[in-house]
Protein backbone atom coordinates (compact mmCIF):
# COMPACT_ATOMS: atom_id res chain seq x y z
CA MET A 1 -26.00 5.29 9.06
CA PRO A 2 -25.50 1.86 7.49
CA LYS A 3 -23.32 -0.48 9.51
CA TYR A 4 -21.42 -3.22 7.75
CA TYR A 5 -22.08 -5.43 10.81
CA GLU A 6 -24.05 -5.08 14.04
CA PHE A 7 -21.09 -6.22 16.14
CA LYS A 8 -17.88 -4.36 16.94
CA ILE A 9 -14.40 -5.16 15.65
CA ALA A 10 -11.59 -4.23 18.06
CA GLY A 11 -14.20 -2.24 20.00
CA TYR A 12 -15.47 -0.24 17.00
CA TYR A 13 -18.47 -0.34 14.69
CA LEU A 14 -17.65 -0.43 10.99
CA TYR A 15 -19.99 1.73 8.93
CA PHE A 16 -20.41 4.33 6.21
CA THR A 17 -22.66 7.34 5.95
CA SER A 18 -25.33 7.73 3.31
CA TYR A 19 -23.88 11.07 2.20
CA CYS A 20 -20.37 9.71 1.66
CA VAL A 21 -21.35 7.17 -1.00
CA ILE A 22 -20.10 9.57 -3.67
CA GLU A 23 -16.57 8.44 -2.78
CA CYS A 24 -15.06 5.04 -3.49
CA MET A 25 -15.70 2.23 -1.02
CA HIS A 26 -14.47 2.99 2.45
CA VAL A 27 -15.04 2.04 6.06
CA HIS A 28 -15.39 4.31 9.07
CA ALA A 29 -14.60 2.88 12.51
CA SER A 30 -16.21 4.51 15.54
CA ASP A 31 -16.97 3.27 19.03
CA ARG A 32 -20.47 4.63 19.65
CA LYS A 33 -21.66 7.84 18.01
CA LEU A 34 -21.11 6.75 14.40
CA THR A 35 -19.95 10.18 13.33
CA GLU A 36 -16.86 11.08 11.37
CA SER A 37 -15.49 13.10 14.28
CA GLY A 38 -12.83 10.93 15.94
CA SER A 39 -13.49 7.99 13.65
CA ALA A 40 -10.91 6.21 11.55
CA LYS A 41 -11.40 5.99 7.78
CA PHE A 42 -10.08 3.24 5.53
CA PHE A 43 -10.37 3.20 1.74
CA VAL A 44 -10.76 -0.36 0.43
CA LYS A 45 -8.96 -1.70 -2.66
CA SER A 46 -10.32 -4.42 -4.96
CA ASN A 47 -8.01 -7.02 -3.36
CA GLY A 48 -9.22 -6.22 0.18
CA ASP A 49 -6.20 -4.19 1.20
CA SER A 50 -7.05 -0.88 2.81
CA VAL A 51 -5.45 2.53 2.94
CA MET A 52 -5.98 4.49 6.12
CA GLN A 53 -6.92 8.11 5.48
CA ASN A 54 -7.56 9.03 9.11
CA GLN A 55 -6.55 7.13 12.24
CA GLY A 56 -9.00 8.93 14.51
CA VAL A 57 -8.69 7.74 18.11
CA LEU A 58 -7.60 4.19 17.22
CA ASN A 59 -4.24 2.87 18.33
CA GLU A 60 -1.93 0.87 16.03
CA ARG A 61 -3.13 -2.52 17.33
CA GLU A 62 -6.78 -1.61 16.68
CA VAL A 63 -5.90 -0.35 13.19
CA ARG A 64 -4.17 -3.66 12.36
CA LYS A 65 -7.14 -5.71 13.64
CA ILE A 66 -9.63 -3.68 11.64
CA GLN A 67 -7.53 -3.81 8.49
CA ALA A 68 -7.20 -7.60 8.85
CA PHE A 69 -10.97 -7.90 9.33
CA ILE A 70 -11.61 -5.77 6.24
CA LYS A 71 -9.19 -7.94 4.23
CA GLU A 72 -11.04 -11.10 5.29
CA ASN A 73 -14.54 -9.72 4.71
CA TYR A 74 -14.26 -7.05 2.01
CA GLN A 75 -16.31 -8.93 -0.59
CA GLU A 76 -19.29 -9.27 1.74
CA MET A 77 -18.85 -5.68 2.88
CA TYR A 78 -18.78 -4.50 -0.73
CA LEU A 79 -22.24 -5.97 -1.31
CA LYS A 80 -23.61 -3.69 1.42
CA TRP A 81 -21.71 -0.73 0.01
CA ALA A 82 -22.95 -1.40 -3.54
CA ALA A 83 -26.57 -1.30 -2.37
CA TYR A 84 -26.03 2.44 -1.71
CA SER A 85 -23.31 3.48 -4.14
CA LYS A 86 -22.24 2.98 -7.72
CA GLU A 87 -18.67 3.91 -6.79
CA GLY A 88 -16.22 1.01 -6.78
CA PHE A 89 -13.08 0.19 -4.88
CA TYR A 90 -10.27 2.61 -4.08
CA GLY A 91 -7.85 3.08 -6.96
CA ASN A 92 -10.29 1.90 -9.66
CA ALA A 93 -11.00 4.83 -11.95
């Protein structure tokens, strides 16, 4: 399971799974197991904004922190995503 970073943001690892690279760029947030069960899922737009598909167990404050982190780091994160997927950002057909 590729992590975007080895450290946690708001107490959660940010990652994607190798089988979900058929979708547009997105970020899962999970505290330890790195599974989709209970994790949040954010689709990332080409300007760094994100659209939450699933909140999982995160509270509103954690969601805001993670979305702000994605906004600040989405270009670097996209480079990791692009190493696994040819799919682009959310909303780009």
